[in-house]
């Protein structure tokens, strides 16, 4: 997962990260990899909830463990699990 992050990351809901290279949903990232959040898909409430957990464009996420798309992640010093449906909405590079 070598993605290059370029550009400014804004804190509003329209923030985007310009990337080159492969983009994968978080549910497909291999165990042990650290990736950068490129964007979060979904309605405003879901994007806000995920942003509060640390899933913001430009932020890093480490996949600690995964089983059938469900993932245990490390984000901003916290470790927690998220289901496959939610992990599919988080696009990484």
C-alpha atoms as a PDB file:
ATOM      1  CA  UNK A   1       0.000   0.000   0.000  1.00  0.00           C
ATOM      2  CA  UNK A   2       2.266   2.797  -1.114  1.00  0.00           C
ATOM      3  CA  UNK A   3       0.026   5.805  -1.637  1.00  0.00           C
ATOM      4  CA  UNK A   4       1.310   9.338  -1.819  1.00  0.00           C
ATOM      5  CA  UNK A   5      -0.768  11.940  -0.049  1.00  0.00           C
ATOM      6  CA  UNK A   6      -0.632  15.369  -1.625  1.00  0.00           C
ATOM      7  CA  UNK A   7      -2.497  18.588  -0.970  1.00  0.00           C
ATOM      8  CA  UNK A   8      -4.230  20.194   1.954  1.00  0.00           C
ATOM      9  CA  UNK A   9      -6.483  18.278   4.300  1.00  0.00           C
ATOM     10  CA  UNK A  10      -9.406  20.378   5.452  1.00  0.00           C
ATOM     11  CA  UNK A  11     -11.473  19.673   8.544  1.00  0.00           C
ATOM     12  CA  UNK A  12     -14.843  20.220   6.853  1.00  0.00           C
ATOM     13  CA  UNK A  13     -16.985  17.454   5.371  1.00  0.00           C
ATOM     14  CA  UNK A  14     -15.719  18.144   1.827  1.00  0.00           C
ATOM     15  CA  UNK A  15     -12.116  17.295   2.679  1.00  0.00           C
ATOM     16  CA  UNK A  16     -10.412  15.038   0.166  1.00  0.00           C
ATOM     17  CA  UNK A  17      -6.931  13.633  -0.083  1.00  0.00           C
ATOM     18  CA  UNK A  18      -5.374  13.432  -3.528  1.00  0.00           C
ATOM     19  CA  UNK A  19      -3.665  10.067  -3.872  1.00  0.00           C
ATOM     20  CA  UNK A  20      -1.775   8.092  -6.434  1.00  0.00           C
ATOM     21  CA  UNK A  21      -1.539   4.338  -6.286  1.00  0.00           C
ATOM     22  CA  UNK A  22      -3.933   1.663  -5.121  1.00  0.00           C
ATOM     23  CA  UNK A  23      -7.020   2.498  -3.103  1.00  0.00           C
ATOM     24  CA  UNK A  24      -8.750  -0.195  -1.063  1.00  0.00           C
ATOM     25  CA  UNK A  25     -11.619  -0.279   1.385  1.00  0.00           C
ATOM     26  CA  UNK A  26     -10.350  -0.760   4.930  1.00  0.00           C
ATOM     27  CA  UNK A  27     -12.082  -4.156   5.001  1.00  0.00           C
ATOM     28  CA  UNK A  28      -9.571  -5.424   2.400  1.00  0.00           C
ATOM     29  CA  UNK A  29      -6.350  -4.128   3.976  1.00  0.00           C
ATOM     30  CA  UNK A  30      -4.015  -6.848   5.201  1.00  0.00           C
ATOM     31  CA  UNK A  31      -3.353  -7.448   8.873  1.00  0.00           C
ATOM     32  CA  UNK A  32      -0.340  -5.496  10.139  1.00  0.00           C
ATOM     33  CA  UNK A  33      -0.506  -2.775   7.475  1.00  0.00           C
ATOM     34  CA  UNK A  34      -0.734   0.922   8.219  1.00  0.00           C
ATOM     35  CA  UNK A  35      -2.704   2.918   5.662  1.00  0.00           C
ATOM     36  CA  UNK A  36      -3.900   6.472   5.094  1.00  0.00           C
ATOM     37  CA  UNK A  37      -7.590   7.339   4.921  1.00  0.00           C
ATOM     38  CA  UNK A  38      -8.357   8.779   1.472  1.00  0.00           C
ATOM     39  CA  UNK A  39     -12.086   9.344   1.978  1.00  0.00           C
ATOM     40  CA  UNK A  40     -15.108   8.121   3.883  1.00  0.00           C
ATOM     41  CA  UNK A  41     -18.293   7.268   2.006  1.00  0.00           C
ATOM     42  CA  UNK A  42     -21.783   7.560   3.433  1.00  0.00           C
ATOM     43  CA  UNK A  43     -24.285  10.019   4.784  1.00  0.00           C
ATOM     44  CA  UNK A  44     -23.341  13.032   6.867  1.00  0.00           C
ATOM     45  CA  UNK A  45     -24.176  11.326  10.184  1.00  0.00           C
ATOM     46  CA  UNK A  46     -21.995   8.307   9.390  1.00  0.00           C
ATOM     47  CA  UNK A  47     -19.095  10.446   8.154  1.00  0.00           C
ATOM     48  CA  UNK A  48     -19.320  12.575  11.307  1.00  0.00           C
ATOM     49  CA  UNK A  49     -19.357   9.489  13.551  1.00  0.00           C
ATOM     50  CA  UNK A  50     -16.323   7.998  11.806  1.00  0.00           C
ATOM     51  CA  UNK A  51     -14.508  11.362  11.923  1.00  0.00           C
ATOM     52  CA  UNK A  52     -15.049  11.464  15.694  1.00  0.00           C
ATOM     53  CA  UNK A  53     -13.393   8.032  15.895  1.00  0.00           C
ATOM     54  CA  UNK A  54     -10.398   9.342  13.922  1.00  0.00           C
ATOM     55  CA  UNK A  55     -11.231   8.238  10.377  1.00  0.00           C
ATOM     56  CA  UNK A  56     -10.479  11.522   8.642  1.00  0.00           C
ATOM     57  CA  UNK A  57      -8.868  12.112   5.231  1.00  0.00           C
ATOM     58  CA  UNK A  58      -5.108  12.069   5.703  1.00  0.00           C
ATOM     59  CA  UNK A  59      -5.307  10.168   9.006  1.00  0.00           C
ATOM     60  CA  UNK A  60      -3.462   6.896   9.522  1.00  0.00           C
ATOM     61  CA  UNK A  61      -5.011   3.599  10.526  1.00  0.00           C
ATOM     62  CA  UNK A  62      -3.228   0.381  11.490  1.00  0.00           C
ATOM     63  CA  UNK A  63      -5.032  -2.893  10.887  1.00  0.00           C
ATOM     64  CA  UNK A  64      -4.270  -4.985  13.961  1.00  0.00           C
ATOM     65  CA  UNK A  65      -6.377  -7.988  13.011  1.00  0.00           C
ATOM     66  CA  UNK A  66      -9.077  -8.948  10.512  1.00  0.00           C
ATOM     67  CA  UNK A  67     -11.565 -11.759  10.070  1.00  0.00           C
ATOM     68  CA  UNK A  68     -13.918 -11.936   7.075  1.00  0.00           C
ATOM     69  CA  UNK A  69     -13.741  -8.188   6.517  1.00  0.00           C
ATOM     70  CA  UNK A  70     -14.339  -7.227  10.162  1.00  0.00           C
ATOM     71  CA  UNK A  71     -11.272  -5.387  11.437  1.00  0.00           C
ATOM     72  CA  UNK A  72      -9.597  -4.423  14.668  1.00  0.00           C
ATOM     73  CA  UNK A  73      -7.820  -1.139  14.078  1.00  0.00           C
ATOM     74  CA  UNK A  74      -5.503   1.263  15.833  1.00  0.00           C
ATOM     75  CA  UNK A  75      -6.469   4.905  15.318  1.00  0.00           C
ATOM     76  CA  UNK A  76      -4.977   7.851  17.245  1.00  0.00           C
ATOM     77  CA  UNK A  77      -3.813   5.659  20.124  1.00  0.00           C
ATOM     78  CA  UNK A  78      -7.109   3.755  20.508  1.00  0.00           C
ATOM     79  CA  UNK A  79      -7.798   0.180  19.439  1.00  0.00           C
ATOM     80  CA  UNK A  80     -11.296  -0.972  18.545  1.00  0.00           C
ATOM     81  CA  UNK A  81     -13.201  -3.181  16.142  1.00  0.00           C
ATOM     82  CA  UNK A  82     -15.479  -2.211  13.286  1.00  0.00           C
ATOM     83  CA  UNK A  83     -17.711  -4.389  11.134  1.00  0.00           C
ATOM     84  CA  UNK A  84     -17.250  -5.166   7.468  1.00  0.00           C
ATOM     85  CA  UNK A  85     -20.061  -2.839   6.313  1.00  0.00           C
ATOM     86  CA  UNK A  86     -18.493   0.137   8.060  1.00  0.00           C
ATOM     87  CA  UNK A  87     -14.961  -0.851   6.989  1.00  0.00           C
ATOM     88  CA  UNK A  88     -16.105  -0.967   3.342  1.00  0.00           C
ATOM     89  CA  UNK A  89     -17.047   2.742   3.560  1.00  0.00           C
ATOM     90  CA  UNK A  90     -13.528   3.813   4.567  1.00  0.00           C
ATOM     91  CA  UNK A  91     -11.344   4.125   1.447  1.00  0.00           C
ATOM     92  CA  UNK A  92      -7.610   3.870   2.112  1.00  0.00           C
ATOM     93  CA  UNK A  93      -4.394   4.275   0.197  1.00  0.00           C
END
